[in-house]
Amino acid sequence: MAHKKGQGSTRNGRDSPGQRRGIKIYAGQSVRAGNILVRQVGTRIHPGRNVGLGRDFTIYALIDGIVKYEGYRGNKRRVSVDPVPGIAESAVESMQAPESTAESSPAS
């Protein structure tokens, strides 16, 4: 005779990892071109200016700037990236500065 009760089996015990969806960058934060702003299923948040929409409805920045979320057409939401003039100009100047100094140096 058994002295321990049998354990029985269960049909549960399986689970899958989460898919890490949601807003990745919030309003007012600065982004670089290519940064992912939102991971979602369907267009819960719609793309606005200067953002792209991926095949899986991922919204990403097309330019460097500041993220802005806004409501439109009643209860819909839209995300845009507003360019920041100071950031873009300083990046262009820093990229051009070494080239201009190399050209201005006299040839020996």
PDB file of N, CA and C in Angstrom:
ATOM      1  N   MET A   1       0.831  -1.180   0.000  1.00  0.00           N
ATOM      2  CA  MET A   1       0.000   0.000   0.000  1.00  0.00           C
ATOM      3  C   MET A   1       0.882   1.253   0.000  1.00  0.00           C
ATOM      4  N   ALA A   2       0.500   2.237  -0.833  1.00  0.00           N
ATOM      5  CA  ALA A   2       1.305   3.453  -0.941  1.00  0.00           C
ATOM      6  C   ALA A   2       1.122   4.317   0.294  1.00  0.00           C
ATOM      7  N   HIS A   3       2.234   4.909   0.720  1.00  0.00           N
ATOM      8  CA  HIS A   3       2.171   5.794   1.875  1.00  0.00           C
ATOM      9  C   HIS A   3       2.088   7.258   1.460  1.00  0.00           C
ATOM     10  N   LYS A   4       2.262   7.543   0.165  1.00  0.00           N
ATOM     11  CA  LYS A   4       2.178   8.936  -0.329  1.00  0.00           C
ATOM     12  C   LYS A   4       1.034   9.020  -1.326  1.00  0.00           C
ATOM     13  N   LYS A   5       0.364  10.161  -1.316  1.00  0.00           N
ATOM     14  CA  LYS A   5      -0.740  10.370  -2.252  1.00  0.00           C
ATOM     15  C   LYS A   5      -0.182  10.658  -3.651  1.00  0.00           C
ATOM     16  N   GLY A   6      -0.797  10.156  -4.700  1.00  0.00           N
ATOM     17  CA  GLY A   6      -0.327  10.378  -6.068  1.00  0.00           C
ATOM     18  C   GLY A   6      -0.420  11.859  -6.457  1.00  0.00           C
ATOM     19  N   GLN A   7       0.476  12.300  -7.351  1.00  0.00           N
ATOM     20  CA  GLN A   7       0.550  13.711  -7.707  1.00  0.00           C
ATOM     21  C   GLN A   7      -0.442  14.125  -8.779  1.00  0.00           C
ATOM     22  N   GLY A   8      -0.811  13.253  -9.668  1.00  0.00           N
ATOM     23  CA  GLY A   8      -1.735  13.661 -10.716  1.00  0.00           C
ATOM     24  C   GLY A   8      -1.037  14.559 -11.726  1.00  0.00           C
ATOM     25  N   SER A   9      -1.704  14.893 -12.818  1.00  0.00           N
ATOM     26  CA  SER A   9      -1.092  15.731 -13.837  1.00  0.00           C
ATOM     27  C   SER A   9      -1.927  16.984 -14.043  1.00  0.00           C
ATOM     28  N   THR A  10      -1.305  17.972 -14.642  1.00  0.00           N
ATOM     29  CA  THR A  10      -2.012  19.221 -14.912  1.00  0.00           C
ATOM     30  C   THR A  10      -1.867  19.565 -16.385  1.00  0.00           C
ATOM     31  N   ARG A  11      -2.858  20.228 -16.948  1.00  0.00           N
ATOM     32  CA  ARG A  11      -2.782  20.612 -18.349  1.00  0.00           C
ATOM     33  C   ARG A  11      -2.348  22.068 -18.512  1.00  0.00           C
ATOM     34  N   ASN A  12      -2.031  22.730 -17.442  1.00  0.00           N
ATOM     35  CA  ASN A  12      -1.576  24.118 -17.511  1.00  0.00           C
ATOM     36  C   ASN A  12      -0.055  24.150 -17.516  1.00  0.00           C
ATOM     37  N   GLY A  13       0.516  25.287 -17.161  1.00  0.00           N
ATOM     38  CA  GLY A  13       1.961  25.354 -16.992  1.00  0.00           C
ATOM     39  C   GLY A  13       2.725  25.859 -18.195  1.00  0.00           C
ATOM     40  N   ARG A  14       2.037  26.418 -19.192  1.00  0.00           N
ATOM     41  CA  ARG A  14       2.737  26.992 -20.340  1.00  0.00           C
ATOM     42  C   ARG A  14       2.476  28.493 -20.366  1.00  0.00           C
ATOM     43  N   ASP A  15       3.467  29.255 -20.775  1.00  0.00           N
ATOM     44  CA  ASP A  15       3.295  30.701 -20.902  1.00  0.00           C
ATOM     45  C   ASP A  15       4.327  31.215 -21.891  1.00  0.00           C
ATOM     46  N   SER A  16       4.036  32.327 -22.524  1.00  0.00           N
ATOM     47  CA  SER A  16       4.986  32.909 -23.470  1.00  0.00           C
ATOM     48  C   SER A  16       5.457  34.249 -22.920  1.00  0.00           C
ATOM     49  N   PRO A  17       6.669  34.647 -23.283  1.00  0.00           N
ATOM     50  CA  PRO A  17       7.165  35.938 -22.802  1.00  0.00           C
ATOM     51  C   PRO A  17       6.384  37.094 -23.409  1.00  0.00           C
ATOM     52  N   GLY A  18       6.337  38.223 -22.708  1.00  0.00           N
ATOM     53  CA  GLY A  18       5.651  39.395 -23.207  1.00  0.00           C
ATOM     54  C   GLY A  18       6.327  39.949 -24.454  1.00  0.00           C
ATOM     55  N   GLN A  19       5.597  40.701 -25.251  1.00  0.00           N
ATOM     56  CA  GLN A  19       6.139  41.195 -26.515  1.00  0.00           C
ATOM     57  C   GLN A  19       6.658  42.631 -26.440  1.00  0.00           C
ATOM     58  N   ARG A  20       6.705  43.201 -25.271  1.00  0.00           N
ATOM     59  CA  ARG A  20       7.314  44.527 -25.015  1.00  0.00           C
ATOM     60  C   ARG A  20       6.733  45.623 -25.895  1.00  0.00           C
ATOM     61  N   ARG A  21       5.411  45.657 -25.965  1.00  0.00           N
ATOM     62  CA  ARG A  21       4.761  46.706 -26.738  1.00  0.00           C
ATOM     63  C   ARG A  21       4.514  47.920 -25.861  1.00  0.00           C
ATOM     64  N   GLY A  22       4.192  49.043 -26.503  1.00  0.00           N
ATOM     65  CA  GLY A  22       3.865  50.256 -25.765  1.00  0.00           C
ATOM     66  C   GLY A  22       4.654  51.444 -26.268  1.00  0.00           C
ATOM     67  N   ILE A  23       4.502  52.544 -25.553  1.00  0.00           N
ATOM     68  CA  ILE A  23       5.199  53.778 -25.907  1.00  0.00           C
ATOM     69  C   ILE A  23       6.627  53.676 -25.382  1.00  0.00           C
ATOM     70  N   LYS A  24       7.582  53.872 -26.276  1.00  0.00           N
ATOM     71  CA  LYS A  24       8.997  53.766 -25.904  1.00  0.00           C
ATOM     72  C   LYS A  24       9.609  55.129 -25.609  1.00  0.00           C
ATOM     73  N   ILE A  25       9.128  56.168 -26.270  1.00  0.00           N
ATOM     74  CA  ILE A  25       9.633  57.523 -26.038  1.00  0.00           C
ATOM     75  C   ILE A  25       8.436  58.441 -25.842  1.00  0.00           C
ATOM     76  N   TYR A  26       8.427  59.182 -24.750  1.00  0.00           N
ATOM     77  CA  TYR A  26       7.276  59.985 -24.359  1.00  0.00           C
ATOM     78  C   TYR A  26       7.379  61.413 -24.883  1.00  0.00           C
ATOM     79  N   ALA A  27       6.282  62.153 -24.771  1.00  0.00           N
ATOM     80  CA  ALA A  27       6.214  63.535 -25.268  1.00  0.00           C
ATOM     81  C   ALA A  27       7.265  64.397 -24.582  1.00  0.00           C
ATOM     82  N   GLY A  28       7.888  65.259 -25.370  1.00  0.00           N
ATOM     83  CA  GLY A  28       8.889  66.178 -24.830  1.00  0.00           C
ATOM     84  C   GLY A  28      10.297  65.628 -24.847  1.00  0.00           C
ATOM     85  N   GLN A  29      10.460  64.331 -25.082  1.00  0.00           N
ATOM     86  CA  GLN A  29      11.803  63.759 -25.121  1.00  0.00           C
ATOM     87  C   GLN A  29      12.411  63.964 -26.509  1.00  0.00           C
ATOM     88  N   SER A  30      13.731  64.088 -26.557  1.00  0.00           N
ATOM     89  CA  SER A  30      14.398  64.276 -27.842  1.00  0.00           C
ATOM     90  C   SER A  30      14.730  62.912 -28.435  1.00  0.00           C
ATOM     91  N   VAL A  31      14.682  62.828 -29.769  1.00  0.00           N
ATOM     92  CA  VAL A  31      14.948  61.571 -30.467  1.00  0.00           C
ATOM     93  C   VAL A  31      15.903  61.809 -31.618  1.00  0.00           C
ATOM     94  N   ARG A  32      16.566  60.750 -32.034  1.00  0.00           N
ATOM     95  CA  ARG A  32      17.391  60.770 -33.233  1.00  0.00           C
ATOM     96  C   ARG A  32      16.624  60.037 -34.319  1.00  0.00           C
ATOM     97  N   ALA A  33      16.942  60.299 -35.557  1.00  0.00           N
ATOM     98  CA  ALA A  33      16.272  59.640 -36.675  1.00  0.00           C
ATOM     99  C   ALA A  33      16.461  58.134 -36.550  1.00  0.00           C
ATOM    100  N   GLY A  34      15.370  57.385 -36.706  1.00  0.00           N
ATOM    101  CA  GLY A  34      15.423  55.931 -36.614  1.00  0.00           C
ATOM    102  C   GLY A  34      14.985  55.382 -35.267  1.00  0.00           C
ATOM    103  N   ASN A  35      14.908  56.222 -34.246  1.00  0.00           N
ATOM    104  CA  ASN A  35      14.471  55.747 -32.933  1.00  0.00           C
ATOM    105  C   ASN A  35      13.021  55.274 -32.984  1.00  0.00           C
ATOM    106  N   ILE A  36      12.740  54.165 -32.293  1.00  0.00           N
ATOM    107  CA  ILE A  36      11.373  53.650 -32.218  1.00  0.00           C
ATOM    108  C   ILE A  36      10.615  54.441 -31.157  1.00  0.00           C
ATOM    109  N   LEU A  37       9.440  54.952 -31.542  1.00  0.00           N
ATOM    110  CA  LEU A  37       8.609  55.729 -30.619  1.00  0.00           C
ATOM    111  C   LEU A  37       7.538  54.857 -29.977  1.00  0.00           C
ATOM    112  N   VAL A  38       6.881  54.012 -30.774  1.00  0.00           N
ATOM    113  CA  VAL A  38       5.759  53.200 -30.285  1.00  0.00           C
ATOM    114  C   VAL A  38       5.812  51.821 -30.924  1.00  0.00           C
ATOM    115  N   ARG A  39       5.621  50.757 -30.114  1.00  0.00           N
ATOM    116  CA  ARG A  39       5.409  49.401 -30.625  1.00  0.00           C
ATOM    117  C   ARG A  39       3.960  49.068 -30.321  1.00  0.00           C
ATOM    118  N   GLN A  40       3.199  48.641 -31.334  1.00  0.00           N
ATOM    119  CA  GLN A  40       1.764  48.451 -31.148  1.00  0.00           C
ATOM    120  C   GLN A  40       1.213  47.424 -32.126  1.00  0.00           C
ATOM    121  N   VAL A  41      -0.026  46.961 -31.857  1.00  0.00           N
ATOM    122  CA  VAL A  41      -0.751  46.100 -32.778  1.00  0.00           C
ATOM    123  C   VAL A  41      -1.850  46.959 -33.377  1.00  0.00           C
ATOM    124  N   GLY A  42      -1.809  47.192 -34.679  1.00  0.00           N
ATOM    125  CA  GLY A  42      -2.772  48.097 -35.300  1.00  0.00           C
ATOM    126  C   GLY A  42      -2.382  49.538 -35.018  1.00  0.00           C
ATOM    127  N   THR A  43      -3.184  50.462 -35.522  1.00  0.00           N
ATOM    128  CA  THR A  43      -2.858  51.877 -35.331  1.00  0.00           C
ATOM    129  C   THR A  43      -3.628  52.457 -34.151  1.00  0.00           C
ATOM    130  N   ARG A  44      -3.242  52.057 -32.954  1.00  0.00           N
ATOM    131  CA  ARG A  44      -3.814  52.689 -31.756  1.00  0.00           C
ATOM    132  C   ARG A  44      -3.369  54.151 -31.716  1.00  0.00           C
ATOM    133  N   ILE A  45      -2.116  54.387 -32.114  1.00  0.00           N
ATOM    134  CA  ILE A  45      -1.583  55.736 -32.259  1.00  0.00           C
ATOM    135  C   ILE A  45      -1.207  55.887 -33.725  1.00  0.00           C
ATOM    136  N   HIS A  46      -1.633  56.956 -34.355  1.00  0.00           N
ATOM    137  CA  HIS A  46      -1.422  57.154 -35.786  1.00  0.00           C
ATOM    138  C   HIS A  46      -0.147  57.957 -36.025  1.00  0.00           C
ATOM    139  N   PRO A  47       0.494  57.769 -37.177  1.00  0.00           N
ATOM    140  CA  PRO A  47       1.697  58.538 -37.484  1.00  0.00           C
ATOM    141  C   PRO A  47       1.356  59.953 -37.922  1.00  0.00           C
ATOM    142  N   GLY A  48       2.157  60.910 -37.479  1.00  0.00           N
ATOM    143  CA  GLY A  48       1.979  62.309 -37.868  1.00  0.00           C
ATOM    144  C   GLY A  48       3.156  62.767 -38.714  1.00  0.00           C
ATOM    145  N   ARG A  49       3.596  64.012 -38.501  1.00  0.00           N
ATOM    146  CA  ARG A  49       4.703  64.579 -39.271  1.00  0.00           C
ATOM    147  C   ARG A  49       6.044  64.005 -38.818  1.00  0.00           C
ATOM    148  N   ASN A  50       6.889  63.734 -39.795  1.00  0.00           N
ATOM    149  CA  ASN A  50       8.273  63.320 -39.563  1.00  0.00           C
ATOM    150  C   ASN A  50       8.417  61.990 -38.830  1.00  0.00           C
ATOM    151  N   VAL A  51       7.408  61.111 -38.951  1.00  0.00           N
ATOM    152  CA  VAL A  51       7.513  59.760 -38.405  1.00  0.00           C
ATOM    153  C   VAL A  51       7.097  58.763 -39.476  1.00  0.00           C
ATOM    154  N   GLY A  52       7.607  57.543 -39.367  1.00  0.00           N
ATOM    155  CA  GLY A  52       7.267  56.488 -40.310  1.00  0.00           C
ATOM    156  C   GLY A  52       6.479  55.395 -39.620  1.00  0.00           C
ATOM    157  N   LEU A  53       5.772  54.577 -40.424  1.00  0.00           N
ATOM    158  CA  LEU A  53       4.977  53.473 -39.904  1.00  0.00           C
ATOM    159  C   LEU A  53       5.515  52.187 -40.519  1.00  0.00           C
ATOM    160  N   GLY A  54       5.990  51.282 -39.662  1.00  0.00           N
ATOM    161  CA  GLY A  54       6.547  50.020 -40.140  1.00  0.00           C
ATOM    162  C   GLY A  54       5.464  49.018 -40.500  1.00  0.00           C
ATOM    163  N   ARG A  55       5.886  47.904 -41.074  1.00  0.00           N
ATOM    164  CA  ARG A  55       4.960  46.852 -41.481  1.00  0.00           C
ATOM    165  C   ARG A  55       4.184  46.276 -40.308  1.00  0.00           C
ATOM    166  N   ASP A  56       4.809  46.255 -39.132  1.00  0.00           N
ATOM    167  CA  ASP A  56       4.148  45.736 -37.926  1.00  0.00           C
ATOM    168  C   ASP A  56       3.558  46.869 -37.083  1.00  0.00           C
ATOM    169  N   PHE A  57       3.289  48.022 -37.701  1.00  0.00           N
ATOM    170  CA  PHE A  57       2.683  49.201 -37.070  1.00  0.00           C
ATOM    171  C   PHE A  57       3.604  49.891 -36.067  1.00  0.00           C
ATOM    172  N   THR A  58       4.894  49.595 -36.111  1.00  0.00           N
ATOM    173  CA  THR A  58       5.859  50.316 -35.279  1.00  0.00           C
ATOM    174  C   THR A  58       6.008  51.729 -35.825  1.00  0.00           C
ATOM    175  N   ILE A  59       5.970  52.717 -34.941  1.00  0.00           N
ATOM    176  CA  ILE A  59       6.156  54.113 -35.350  1.00  0.00           C
ATOM    177  C   ILE A  59       7.575  54.531 -34.961  1.00  0.00           C
ATOM    178  N   TYR A  60       8.301  55.133 -35.922  1.00  0.00           N
ATOM    179  CA  TYR A  60       9.693  55.506 -35.694  1.00  0.00           C
ATOM    180  C   TYR A  60       9.950  56.910 -36.234  1.00  0.00           C
ATOM    181  N   ALA A  61      10.974  57.558 -35.688  1.00  0.00           N
ATOM    182  CA  ALA A  61      11.309  58.930 -36.077  1.00  0.00           C
ATOM    183  C   ALA A  61      12.067  58.945 -37.395  1.00  0.00           C
ATOM    184  N   LEU A  62      11.735  59.897 -38.263  1.00  0.00           N
ATOM    185  CA  LEU A  62      12.436  60.071 -39.529  1.00  0.00           C
ATOM    186  C   LEU A  62      13.508  61.157 -39.445  1.00  0.00           C
ATOM    187  N   ILE A  63      13.387  62.048 -38.457  1.00  0.00           N
ATOM    188  CA  ILE A  63      14.354  63.132 -38.278  1.00  0.00           C
ATOM    189  C   ILE A  63      14.703  63.258 -36.800  1.00  0.00           C
ATOM    190  N   ASP A  64      15.751  63.992 -36.498  1.00  0.00           N
ATOM    191  CA  ASP A  64      16.084  64.333 -35.111  1.00  0.00           C
ATOM    192  C   ASP A  64      15.120  65.417 -34.653  1.00  0.00           C
ATOM    193  N   GLY A  65      14.676  65.363 -33.394  1.00  0.00           N
ATOM    194  CA  GLY A  65      13.787  66.407 -32.890  1.00  0.00           C
ATOM    195  C   GLY A  65      13.149  66.036 -31.574  1.00  0.00           C
ATOM    196  N   ILE A  66      12.015  66.682 -31.279  1.00  0.00           N
ATOM    197  CA  ILE A  66      11.277  66.504 -30.036  1.00  0.00           C
ATOM    198  C   ILE A  66       9.945  65.815 -30.337  1.00  0.00           C
ATOM    199  N   VAL A  67       9.601  64.811 -29.537  1.00  0.00           N
ATOM    200  CA  VAL A  67       8.372  64.037 -29.748  1.00  0.00           C
ATOM    201  C   VAL A  67       7.165  64.809 -29.229  1.00  0.00           C
ATOM    202  N   LYS A  68       6.070  64.741 -29.994  1.00  0.00           N
ATOM    203  CA  LYS A  68       4.832  65.409 -29.589  1.00  0.00           C
ATOM    204  C   LYS A  68       3.656  64.474 -29.856  1.00  0.00           C
ATOM    205  N   TYR A  69       2.815  64.233 -28.845  1.00  0.00           N
ATOM    206  CA  TYR A  69       1.583  63.455 -28.993  1.00  0.00           C
ATOM    207  C   TYR A  69       0.423  64.431 -28.970  1.00  0.00           C
ATOM    208  N   GLU A  70      -0.576  64.193 -29.837  1.00  0.00           N
ATOM    209  CA  GLU A  70      -1.718  65.102 -29.881  1.00  0.00           C
ATOM    210  C   GLU A  70      -2.972  64.317 -30.237  1.00  0.00           C
ATOM    211  N   GLY A  71      -4.103  64.836 -29.800  1.00  0.00           N
ATOM    212  CA  GLY A  71      -5.374  64.252 -30.175  1.00  0.00           C
ATOM    213  C   GLY A  71      -5.862  64.891 -31.463  1.00  0.00           C
ATOM    214  N   TYR A  72      -6.587  64.113 -32.289  1.00  0.00           N
ATOM    215  CA  TYR A  72      -7.158  64.672 -33.508  1.00  0.00           C
ATOM    216  C   TYR A  72      -8.374  63.840 -33.904  1.00  0.00           C
ATOM    217  N   ARG A  73      -9.273  64.458 -34.662  1.00  0.00           N
ATOM    218  CA  ARG A  73     -10.496  63.808 -35.139  1.00  0.00           C
ATOM    219  C   ARG A  73     -11.242  63.086 -34.029  1.00  0.00           C
ATOM    220  N   GLY A  74     -11.504  63.791 -32.976  1.00  0.00           N
ATOM    221  CA  GLY A  74     -12.268  63.190 -31.881  1.00  0.00           C
ATOM    222  C   GLY A  74     -11.387  62.459 -30.890  1.00  0.00           C
ATOM    223  N   ASN A  75     -11.441  61.124 -30.914  1.00  0.00           N
ATOM    224  CA  ASN A  75     -10.726  60.359 -29.879  1.00  0.00           C
ATOM    225  C   ASN A  75      -9.480  59.658 -30.407  1.00  0.00           C
ATOM    226  N   LYS A  76      -8.959  60.070 -31.563  1.00  0.00           N
ATOM    227  CA  LYS A  76      -7.745  59.443 -32.087  1.00  0.00           C
ATOM    228  C   LYS A  76      -6.510  60.158 -31.560  1.00  0.00           C
ATOM    229  N   ARG A  77      -5.381  59.428 -31.540  1.00  0.00           N
ATOM    230  CA  ARG A  77      -4.117  60.014 -31.094  1.00  0.00           C
ATOM    231  C   ARG A  77      -3.114  59.937 -32.228  1.00  0.00           C
ATOM    232  N   ARG A  78      -2.228  60.939 -32.270  1.00  0.00           N
ATOM    233  CA  ARG A  78      -1.218  61.017 -33.327  1.00  0.00           C
ATOM    234  C   ARG A  78       0.108  61.431 -32.691  1.00  0.00           C
ATOM    235  N   VAL A  79       1.201  60.888 -33.210  1.00  0.00           N
ATOM    236  CA  VAL A  79       2.533  61.252 -32.727  1.00  0.00           C
ATOM    237  C   VAL A  79       3.314  61.888 -33.870  1.00  0.00           C
ATOM    238  N   SER A  80       4.030  62.962 -33.563  1.00  0.00           N
ATOM    239  CA  SER A  80       4.851  63.678 -34.531  1.00  0.00           C
ATOM    240  C   SER A  80       6.211  63.959 -33.913  1.00  0.00           C
ATOM    241  N   VAL A  81       7.163  64.297 -34.765  1.00  0.00           N
ATOM    242  CA  VAL A  81       8.472  64.744 -34.289  1.00  0.00           C
ATOM    243  C   VAL A  81       8.696  66.139 -34.848  1.00  0.00           C
ATOM    244  N   ASP A  82       8.862  67.106 -33.948  1.00  0.00           N
ATOM    245  CA  ASP A  82       9.113  68.486 -34.351  1.00  0.00           C
ATOM    246  C   ASP A  82      10.620  68.717 -34.432  1.00  0.00           C
ATOM    247  N   PRO A  83      11.099  69.256 -35.546  1.00  0.00           N
ATOM    248  CA  PRO A  83      12.542  69.501 -35.653  1.00  0.00           C
ATOM    249  C   PRO A  83      12.979  70.608 -34.706  1.00  0.00           C
ATOM    250  N   VAL A  84      14.200  70.491 -34.208  1.00  0.00           N
ATOM    251  CA  VAL A  84      14.772  71.519 -33.348  1.00  0.00           C
ATOM    252  C   VAL A  84      15.886  72.184 -34.138  1.00  0.00           C
ATOM    253  N   PRO A  85      15.732  73.464 -34.498  1.00  0.00           N
ATOM    254  CA  PRO A  85      16.715  74.125 -35.358  1.00  0.00           C
ATOM    255  C   PRO A  85      18.128  74.100 -34.794  1.00  0.00           C
ATOM    256  N   GLY A  86      18.283  74.315 -33.499  1.00  0.00           N
ATOM    257  CA  GLY A  86      19.619  74.371 -32.903  1.00  0.00           C
ATOM    258  C   GLY A  86      20.360  73.054 -33.020  1.00  0.00           C
ATOM    259  N   ILE A  87      19.662  71.949 -32.836  1.00  0.00           N
ATOM    260  CA  ILE A  87      20.301  70.632 -32.880  1.00  0.00           C
ATOM    261  C   ILE A  87      20.746  70.317 -34.302  1.00  0.00           C
ATOM    262  N   ALA A  88      19.881  70.559 -35.260  1.00  0.00           N
ATOM    263  CA  ALA A  88      20.204  70.225 -36.649  1.00  0.00           C
ATOM    264  C   ALA A  88      21.371  71.076 -37.158  1.00  0.00           C
ATOM    265  N   GLU A  89      21.368  72.379 -36.862  1.00  0.00           N
ATOM    266  CA  GLU A  89      22.425  73.261 -37.341  1.00  0.00           C
ATOM    267  C   GLU A  89      23.764  72.913 -36.719  1.00  0.00           C
ATOM    268  N   SER A  90      23.775  72.635 -35.415  1.00  0.00           N
ATOM    269  CA  SER A  90      25.040  72.326 -34.756  1.00  0.00           C
ATOM    270  C   SER A  90      25.610  71.013 -35.276  1.00  0.00           C
ATOM    271  N   ALA A  91      24.735  70.055 -35.599  1.00  0.00           N
ATOM    272  CA  ALA A  91      25.219  68.780 -36.137  1.00  0.00           C
ATOM    273  C   ALA A  91      25.833  68.984 -37.513  1.00  0.00           C
ATOM    274  N   VAL A  92      25.208  69.815 -38.331  1.00  0.00           N
ATOM    275  CA  VAL A  92      25.728  70.078 -39.674  1.00  0.00           C
ATOM    276  C   VAL A  92      27.048  70.832 -39.583  1.00  0.00           C
ATOM    277  N   GLU A  93      27.129  71.829 -38.688  1.00  0.00           N
ATOM    278  CA  GLU A  93      28.357  72.598 -38.528  1.00  0.00           C
ATOM    279  C   GLU A  93      29.503  71.719 -38.048  1.00  0.00           C
ATOM    280  N   SER A  94      29.226  70.819 -37.101  1.00  0.00           N
ATOM    281  CA  SER A  94      30.291  69.967 -36.577  1.00  0.00           C
ATOM    282  C   SER A  94      30.784  68.986 -37.633  1.00  0.00           C
ATOM    283  N   MET A  95      29.901  68.594 -38.542  1.00  0.00           N
ATOM    284  CA  MET A  95      30.312  67.684 -39.607  1.00  0.00           C
ATOM    285  C   MET A  95      31.124  68.421 -40.672  1.00  0.00           C
ATOM    286  N   GLN A  96      30.828  69.693 -40.901  1.00  0.00           N
ATOM    287  CA  GLN A  96      31.513  70.451 -41.934  1.00  0.00           C
ATOM    288  C   GLN A  96      32.795  71.106 -41.433  1.00  0.00           C
ATOM    289  N   ALA A  97      32.938  71.329 -40.148  1.00  0.00           N
ATOM    290  CA  ALA A  97      34.084  72.045 -39.608  1.00  0.00           C
ATOM    291  C   ALA A  97      35.426  71.389 -39.955  1.00  0.00           C
ATOM    292  N   PRO A  98      35.619  70.078 -39.769  1.00  0.00           N
ATOM    293  CA  PRO A  98      36.924  69.494 -40.081  1.00  0.00           C
ATOM    294  C   PRO A  98      37.275  69.591 -41.566  1.00  0.00           C
ATOM    295  N   GLU A  99      36.287  69.488 -42.439  1.00  0.00           N
ATOM    296  CA  GLU A  99      36.546  69.564 -43.872  1.00  0.00           C
ATOM    297  C   GLU A  99      37.029  70.959 -44.256  1.00  0.00           C
ATOM    298  N   SER A 100      36.404  72.008 -43.719  1.00  0.00           N
ATOM    299  CA  SER A 100      36.763  73.364 -44.093  1.00  0.00           C
ATOM    300  C   SER A 100      38.167  73.731 -43.602  1.00  0.00           C
ATOM    301  N   THR A 101      38.587  73.244 -42.426  1.00  0.00           N
ATOM    302  CA  THR A 101      39.927  73.554 -41.933  1.00  0.00           C
ATOM    303  C   THR A 101      40.984  72.837 -42.756  1.00  0.00           C
ATOM    304  N   ALA A 102      40.681  71.638 -43.227  1.00  0.00           N
ATOM    305  CA  ALA A 102      41.661  70.885 -44.027  1.00  0.00           C
ATOM    306  C   ALA A 102      41.861  71.566 -45.396  1.00  0.00           C
ATOM    307  N   GLU A 103      40.801  72.126 -45.951  1.00  0.00           N
ATOM    308  CA  GLU A 103      40.911  72.769 -47.242  1.00  0.00           C
ATOM    309  C   GLU A 103      41.615  74.115 -47.165  1.00  0.00           C
ATOM    310  N   SER A 104      41.472  74.814 -46.041  1.00  0.00           N
ATOM    311  CA  SER A 104      42.043  76.149 -45.921  1.00  0.00           C
ATOM    312  C   SER A 104      43.541  76.129 -45.588  1.00  0.00           C
ATOM    313  N   SER A 105      44.080  74.979 -45.162  1.00  0.00           N
ATOM    314  CA  SER A 105      45.499  74.934 -44.833  1.00  0.00           C
ATOM    315  C   SER A 105      46.328  74.983 -46.120  1.00  0.00           C
ATOM    316  N   PRO A 106      47.394  75.804 -46.124  1.00  0.00           N
ATOM    317  CA  PRO A 106      48.207  75.962 -47.344  1.00  0.00           C
ATOM    318  C   PRO A 106      48.980  74.688 -47.663  1.00  0.00           C
ATOM    319  N   ALA A 107      49.135  74.396 -48.932  1.00  0.00           N
ATOM    320  CA  ALA A 107      49.891  73.211 -49.356  1.00  0.00           C
ATOM    321  C   ALA A 107      51.384  73.526 -49.313  1.00  0.00           C
ATOM    322  N   SER A 108      52.205  72.636 -48.774  1.00  0.00           N
ATOM    323  CA  SER A 108      53.635  72.888 -48.649  1.00  0.00           C
ATOM    324  C   SER A 108      54.387  72.317 -49.808  1.00  0.00           C
TER     325      SER A 108
END
